[in-house]
Protein backbone atom coordinates (compact mmCIF):
# COMPACT_ATOMS: atom_id res chain seq x y z
CA UNK A 1 16.94 16.62 -76.19
CA UNK A 2 20.02 14.53 -76.69
CA UNK A 3 21.48 15.86 -79.91
CA UNK A 4 24.89 14.45 -80.77
CA UNK A 5 26.07 12.14 -78.01
CA UNK A 6 29.14 13.28 -76.12
CA UNK A 7 31.75 10.65 -75.24
CA UNK A 8 30.61 10.76 -71.60
CA UNK A 9 26.92 10.40 -72.48
CA UNK A 10 27.77 7.50 -74.79
CA UNK A 11 29.64 5.88 -71.86
CA UNK A 12 26.79 6.55 -69.42
CA UNK A 13 24.16 5.10 -71.74
CA UNK A 14 26.29 2.22 -73.00
CA UNK A 15 27.48 1.13 -69.59
CA UNK A 16 25.03 2.36 -66.95
CA UNK A 17 21.75 2.08 -68.83
CA UNK A 18 22.63 -1.17 -70.58
CA UNK A 19 23.87 -2.74 -67.34
CA UNK A 20 20.86 -1.63 -65.31
CA UNK A 21 18.47 -2.75 -68.05
CA UNK A 22 19.88 -6.29 -67.81
CA UNK A 23 18.87 -6.18 -64.13
CA UNK A 24 15.29 -5.28 -65.08
CA UNK A 25 15.26 -1.49 -64.87
CA UNK A 26 13.22 0.10 -67.65
CA UNK A 27 14.40 3.18 -69.53
CA UNK A 28 12.71 5.25 -72.19
CA UNK A 29 14.27 7.93 -74.36
CA UNK A 30 12.39 11.07 -75.35
CA UNK A 31 14.70 12.25 -78.11
CA UNK A 32 13.53 15.64 -79.34
CA UNK A 33 16.56 16.27 -81.52
CA UNK A 34 14.45 16.23 -84.70
CA UNK A 35 10.94 16.70 -83.32
CA UNK A 36 9.13 19.21 -81.09
CA UNK A 37 9.33 18.64 -77.36
CA UNK A 38 5.82 17.77 -76.09
CA UNK A 39 6.71 18.95 -72.57
CA UNK A 40 6.91 22.48 -71.15
CA UNK A 41 10.36 23.95 -71.88
CA UNK A 42 11.06 24.75 -68.22
CA UNK A 43 10.00 21.37 -66.79
CA UNK A 44 13.51 20.02 -66.13
CA UNK A 45 14.41 16.92 -64.13
CA UNK A 46 12.13 15.67 -61.39
CA UNK A 47 11.34 12.76 -59.16
CA UNK A 48 7.78 11.45 -59.01
CA UNK A 49 7.04 9.30 -55.98
CA UNK A 50 4.15 6.82 -56.20
CA UNK A 51 2.46 8.97 -58.87
CA UNK A 52 1.57 11.35 -56.05
CA UNK A 53 4.45 13.53 -54.90
CA UNK A 54 6.58 15.51 -57.35
CA UNK A 55 10.00 16.90 -56.51
CA UNK A 56 11.57 19.07 -59.23
CA UNK A 57 15.36 19.08 -59.03
CA UNK A 58 17.45 22.23 -58.97
CA UNK A 59 20.95 22.59 -60.46
CA UNK A 60 23.54 25.34 -60.48
CA UNK A 61 24.46 26.97 -63.80
CA UNK A 62 27.48 24.64 -63.80
CA UNK A 63 25.26 21.55 -63.43
CA UNK A 64 25.85 20.83 -59.73
CA UNK A 65 22.82 19.30 -57.99
CA UNK A 66 21.46 21.79 -55.45
CA UNK A 67 18.52 19.80 -54.15
CA UNK A 68 14.88 19.11 -54.86
CA UNK A 69 11.71 20.93 -53.89
CA UNK A 70 9.04 18.51 -52.67
CA UNK A 71 5.73 19.85 -53.88
CA UNK A 72 2.34 19.39 -52.20
CA UNK A 73 0.54 16.21 -53.27
CA UNK A 74 -2.18 18.35 -54.86
CA UNK A 75 0.32 19.06 -57.67
CA UNK A 76 0.88 15.34 -58.30
CA UNK A 77 -1.70 14.97 -61.11
CA UNK A 78 0.04 17.74 -63.07
CA UNK A 79 3.33 15.83 -63.02
CA UNK A 80 1.65 12.49 -63.70
CA UNK A 81 0.29 14.09 -66.87
CA UNK A 82 3.82 15.23 -67.82
CA UNK A 83 5.13 11.71 -67.23
CA UNK A 84 2.36 10.16 -69.30
CA UNK A 85 2.98 12.63 -72.14
CA UNK A 86 6.72 11.89 -72.07
CA UNK A 87 6.15 8.14 -72.15
CA UNK A 88 3.63 8.45 -74.99
CA UNK A 89 6.31 10.16 -77.12
CA UNK A 90 9.33 8.15 -75.94
CA UNK A 91 10.70 4.88 -77.15
CA UNK A 92 12.17 2.01 -75.15
CA UNK A 93 15.87 2.53 -74.54
CA UNK A 94 16.76 -0.83 -76.10
CA UNK A 95 15.15 0.19 -79.41
CA UNK A 96 16.63 3.69 -79.34
CA UNK A 97 20.11 2.43 -78.42
CA UNK A 98 20.06 -0.10 -81.26
CA UNK A 99 20.09 2.79 -83.72
CA UNK A 100 22.29 5.25 -81.76
CA UNK A 101 24.97 3.10 -80.09
CA UNK A 102 27.67 3.72 -82.71
């Protein structure tokens, strides 16, 4: 869902992701610019704690973070499945960045 990279996104990826990756953080990119998105269209951003507790994030129309709704643990398996689907279709950031850094 990246499409053409904006100057800010290029900065964020090239500085923040690259820097954090050198410290051991792992990133994966699910780029659906030229392929169908395997995830539900309304899924959005979320936190997944210990593969148990999901917390979908809410944003204003202008993109301001409004908070997160912590869901009951019974919903955890649903979001673990979303995560696993995303990772199955994503590629490691380092590989993706090697072809998109320009």
